[in-house]
């Protein structure tokens, strides 16, 4: 009995491990080669996601370190080393209806000379996770000027993530880099077949073992 329980425990544990997907990081560095910034189309998927704003005027850009350091005179660049996502006020991210776990990202207020941009520097960012249109969790973080900070969102099993920035006098601009997520925890068909076929092979052996033990007299 102990061996049978151990066998099924190993199978269950292995299936659990197989279902856990590795974290994926979206760094925006391969989105463009423009020296300063590139407009991000709301209708074209990037890295498997649609990045959309609620208003035509709230554009999204892949902003290079040349832009943030050269034009805005900041002394810091993006954590990924080349580009970050520049947003005004907010945007939404969807994954084609597929659920995912949003782990977090690096964020910074839109800055100039390592300080808040006077008219477009957001002070706070709220991130909301939805599943089938129902809010399942949210997190709010204060945005710093002059540097990026990691914030842990830990929004699990969502199919839409909404970012809302506030605090700017005209616009609430912020930058985001290294968007990190886990894909839906669905095991590969081959993995399931491997473990189930292994179980089918071993079960008769376990039955024979139990049968043989039953032929021996019990010890008094």
Protein backbone atom coordinates (compact mmCIF):
# COMPACT_ATOMS: atom_id res chain seq x y z
CA UNK A 1 0.00 0.00 0.00
CA UNK A 2 2.82 2.37 0.86
CA UNK A 3 4.49 1.76 -2.52
CA UNK A 4 1.20 2.33 -4.35
CA UNK A 5 0.63 5.59 -2.48
CA UNK A 6 4.21 6.64 -3.15
CA UNK A 7 3.80 5.90 -6.85
CA UNK A 8 0.66 7.99 -7.17
CA UNK A 9 2.25 10.74 -5.08
CA UNK A 10 5.20 10.89 -7.47
CA UNK A 11 2.88 10.99 -10.49
CA UNK A 12 0.76 13.79 -8.99
CA UNK A 13 3.85 15.79 -8.05
CA UNK A 14 5.33 15.33 -11.52
CA UNK A 15 2.12 16.47 -13.16
CA UNK A 16 2.05 19.53 -10.92
CA UNK A 17 5.59 20.40 -11.91
CA UNK A 18 4.77 19.86 -15.57
CA UNK A 19 1.82 22.24 -15.32
CA UNK A 20 3.87 25.08 -13.89
CA UNK A 21 5.08 27.25 -16.76
CA UNK A 22 8.28 29.20 -16.59
CA UNK A 23 8.02 32.96 -16.20
CA UNK A 24 8.26 34.96 -19.42
CA UNK A 25 9.68 38.49 -19.55
CA UNK A 26 8.56 41.03 -22.16
CA UNK A 27 11.28 43.67 -22.47
CA UNK A 28 10.18 45.63 -25.60
CA UNK A 29 13.76 45.60 -26.89
CA UNK A 30 12.87 43.70 -30.07
CA UNK A 31 9.83 45.83 -30.86
CA UNK A 32 11.70 48.39 -32.93
CA UNK A 33 15.10 49.72 -33.92
CA UNK A 34 14.01 53.35 -34.00
CA UNK A 35 16.62 55.50 -32.25
CA UNK A 36 14.11 57.33 -30.05
CA UNK A 37 10.60 55.88 -29.92
CA UNK A 38 8.09 53.86 -31.90
CA UNK A 39 4.30 54.02 -31.71
CA UNK A 40 2.77 50.76 -30.48
CA UNK A 41 -0.26 49.79 -32.55
CA UNK A 42 -3.30 48.76 -30.47
CA UNK A 43 -4.46 46.31 -33.15
CA UNK A 44 -1.20 44.40 -33.65
CA UNK A 45 -0.16 41.88 -31.04
CA UNK A 46 3.30 42.09 -29.54
CA UNK A 47 4.73 39.16 -27.55
CA UNK A 48 1.32 37.50 -27.77
CA UNK A 49 -0.52 40.42 -26.13
CA UNK A 50 -2.62 43.32 -27.33
CA UNK A 51 -1.58 46.59 -25.68
CA UNK A 52 -4.52 48.98 -25.95
CA UNK A 53 -5.49 52.37 -24.58
CA UNK A 54 -9.04 53.59 -23.89
CA UNK A 55 -8.50 56.75 -25.92
CA UNK A 56 -6.90 57.54 -29.26
CA UNK A 57 -4.90 60.28 -27.57
CA UNK A 58 -3.38 57.95 -24.98
CA UNK A 59 -0.72 56.49 -27.22
CA UNK A 60 1.76 53.83 -26.21
CA UNK A 61 5.38 53.99 -27.28
CA UNK A 62 8.46 51.86 -27.13
CA UNK A 63 10.84 54.56 -25.85
CA UNK A 64 14.58 54.06 -26.16
CA UNK A 65 17.21 54.96 -23.61
CA UNK A 66 18.40 57.51 -26.19
CA UNK A 67 15.08 59.27 -25.72
CA UNK A 68 14.84 59.13 -21.94
CA UNK A 69 18.49 59.97 -21.39
CA UNK A 70 19.20 62.17 -24.41
CA UNK A 71 16.01 64.18 -24.81
CA UNK A 72 14.79 64.08 -21.23
CA UNK A 73 18.26 64.32 -19.67
CA UNK A 74 17.83 61.47 -17.22
CA UNK A 75 20.84 59.59 -15.93
CA UNK A 76 19.16 56.18 -15.83
CA UNK A 77 18.05 53.81 -18.55
CA UNK A 78 15.63 50.93 -18.85
CA UNK A 79 16.26 47.75 -16.83
CA UNK A 80 16.32 45.69 -20.02
CA UNK A 81 18.97 47.93 -21.51
CA UNK A 82 17.40 49.40 -24.66
CA UNK A 83 13.67 50.19 -24.63
CA UNK A 84 10.77 50.53 -22.20
CA UNK A 85 7.05 51.03 -22.69
CA UNK A 86 6.04 54.69 -22.34
CA UNK A 87 2.36 55.22 -21.52
CA UNK A 88 0.17 58.22 -20.87
CA UNK A 89 -2.59 57.71 -18.27
CA UNK A 90 -3.00 54.00 -18.79
CA UNK A 91 -3.61 51.00 -20.99
CA UNK A 92 -4.98 47.46 -20.98
CA UNK A 93 -3.24 44.19 -21.79
CA UNK A 94 -5.07 41.11 -23.08
CA UNK A 95 -3.77 37.70 -24.13
CA UNK A 96 -6.36 36.58 -26.66
CA UNK A 97 -8.77 35.39 -23.99
CA UNK A 98 -6.15 33.09 -22.47
CA UNK A 99 -5.64 33.30 -18.72
CA UNK A 100 -2.19 34.11 -17.36
CA UNK A 101 -0.48 35.10 -14.14
CA UNK A 102 0.87 38.64 -14.11
CA UNK A 103 3.85 38.62 -11.77
CA UNK A 104 4.99 42.24 -12.02
CA UNK A 105 7.20 44.73 -13.85
CA UNK A 106 9.66 47.56 -13.40
CA UNK A 107 8.00 50.99 -13.41
CA UNK A 108 9.06 54.61 -13.23
CA UNK A 109 7.36 57.98 -13.41
CA UNK A 110 7.98 59.94 -16.59
CA UNK A 111 10.96 62.03 -15.56
CA UNK A 112 13.11 64.87 -16.81
CA UNK A 113 16.48 65.64 -15.25
CA UNK A 114 15.84 62.72 -12.89
CA UNK A 115 12.76 64.44 -11.46
CA UNK A 116 9.04 64.25 -12.14
CA UNK A 117 8.08 65.66 -15.51
CA UNK A 118 6.29 68.95 -14.62
CA UNK A 119 3.18 68.29 -16.71
CA UNK A 120 3.24 64.59 -17.52
CA UNK A 121 4.84 62.78 -14.60
CA UNK A 122 2.51 60.27 -12.94
CA UNK A 123 2.73 59.83 -9.19
CA UNK A 124 0.79 56.62 -8.70
CA UNK A 125 -0.08 53.50 -10.67
CA UNK A 126 -2.98 51.13 -10.03
CA UNK A 127 -3.03 47.73 -11.73
CA UNK A 128 -6.25 45.72 -11.92
CA UNK A 129 -6.66 42.09 -12.95
CA UNK A 130 -9.85 40.77 -14.54
CA UNK A 131 -11.14 37.30 -15.37
CA UNK A 132 -14.10 37.10 -17.73
CA UNK A 133 -14.94 40.72 -16.97
CA UNK A 134 -14.87 40.29 -13.19
CA UNK A 135 -12.27 42.10 -11.08
CA UNK A 136 -10.20 39.51 -9.20
CA UNK A 137 -7.49 41.71 -7.69
CA UNK A 138 -5.67 45.03 -7.76
CA UNK A 139 -2.47 46.62 -6.51
CA UNK A 140 -1.39 50.27 -6.24
CA UNK A 141 2.19 51.48 -6.23
CA UNK A 142 3.78 54.92 -5.85
CA UNK A 143 5.93 55.86 -8.82
CA UNK A 144 9.39 57.27 -8.24
CA UNK A 145 11.17 59.71 -10.50
CA UNK A 146 14.76 59.16 -11.50
CA UNK A 147 14.73 55.36 -11.27
CA UNK A 148 12.83 52.17 -11.96
CA UNK A 149 11.36 50.08 -9.14
CA UNK A 150 10.08 46.53 -9.30
CA UNK A 151 6.51 46.05 -8.17
CA UNK A 152 5.03 42.63 -7.53
CA UNK A 153 1.50 42.46 -8.95
CA UNK A 154 0.78 38.77 -8.23
CA UNK A 155 -2.46 38.77 -10.19
CA UNK A 156 -3.18 35.13 -10.94
CA UNK A 157 -5.49 33.53 -13.47
CA UNK A 158 -6.44 36.77 -15.25
CA UNK A 159 -7.22 37.38 -18.91
CA UNK A 160 -6.95 41.17 -18.79
CA UNK A 161 -4.71 43.57 -16.88
CA UNK A 162 -5.50 47.29 -16.74
CA UNK A 163 -2.97 49.97 -15.79
CA UNK A 164 -4.24 53.34 -14.53
CA UNK A 165 -1.83 56.17 -13.71
CA UNK A 166 -2.66 59.37 -11.83
CA UNK A 167 -0.95 62.45 -10.46
CA UNK A 168 0.22 64.37 -13.52
CA UNK A 169 -1.11 67.87 -14.13
CA UNK A 170 -1.84 67.37 -17.84
CA UNK A 171 -1.05 63.71 -18.45
CA UNK A 172 0.09 60.95 -16.14
CA UNK A 173 3.05 59.46 -17.93
CA UNK A 174 5.00 56.43 -16.77
CA UNK A 175 7.42 53.86 -18.10
CA UNK A 176 7.20 50.10 -17.74
CA UNK A 177 9.79 47.44 -18.51
CA UNK A 178 10.29 43.70 -18.07
CA UNK A 179 6.60 42.81 -17.99
CA UNK A 180 6.79 39.37 -16.37
CA UNK A 181 4.09 36.71 -16.53
CA UNK A 182 3.40 32.99 -16.47
CA UNK A 183 1.32 31.45 -19.21
CA UNK A 184 -1.76 29.43 -18.33
CA UNK A 185 -0.82 26.36 -16.28
CA UNK A 186 -1.88 23.72 -18.79
CA UNK A 187 0.32 20.62 -19.17
CA UNK A 188 1.59 19.69 -22.60
CA UNK A 189 -0.31 16.74 -24.16
CA UNK A 190 2.94 14.78 -24.43
CA UNK A 191 3.60 15.25 -20.73
CA UNK A 192 0.18 13.91 -19.79
CA UNK A 193 0.61 10.95 -22.14
CA UNK A 194 4.01 10.17 -20.65
CA UNK A 195 2.77 9.99 -17.08
CA UNK A 196 -0.52 8.25 -17.83
CA UNK A 197 1.20 5.61 -19.98
CA UNK A 198 3.75 5.13 -17.22
CA UNK A 199 0.94 4.66 -14.74
CA UNK A 200 -0.79 2.13 -17.01
CA UNK A 201 2.46 0.18 -17.30
CA UNK A 202 3.21 0.11 -13.58
CA UNK A 203 -0.25 -0.62 -12.21
CA UNK A 204 -0.28 -4.33 -13.29
CA UNK A 205 3.17 -4.72 -11.70
CA UNK A 206 1.86 -3.27 -8.45
CA UNK A 207 -1.10 -5.64 -8.52
CA UNK A 208 1.20 -8.63 -9.04
CA UNK A 209 3.33 -7.48 -6.13
CA UNK A 210 0.28 -7.32 -3.88
CA UNK A 211 -0.83 -10.75 -5.09
CA UNK A 212 2.52 -12.33 -4.30
CA UNK A 213 2.55 -10.85 -0.82
CA UNK A 214 -0.88 -12.41 -0.23
CA UNK A 215 0.53 -15.94 -0.88
CA UNK A 216 2.99 -15.72 2.00
CA UNK A 217 1.73 -16.61 5.49
CA UNK A 218 1.58 -13.71 7.86
CA UNK A 219 4.02 -13.64 10.72
CA UNK A 220 2.53 -14.19 14.16
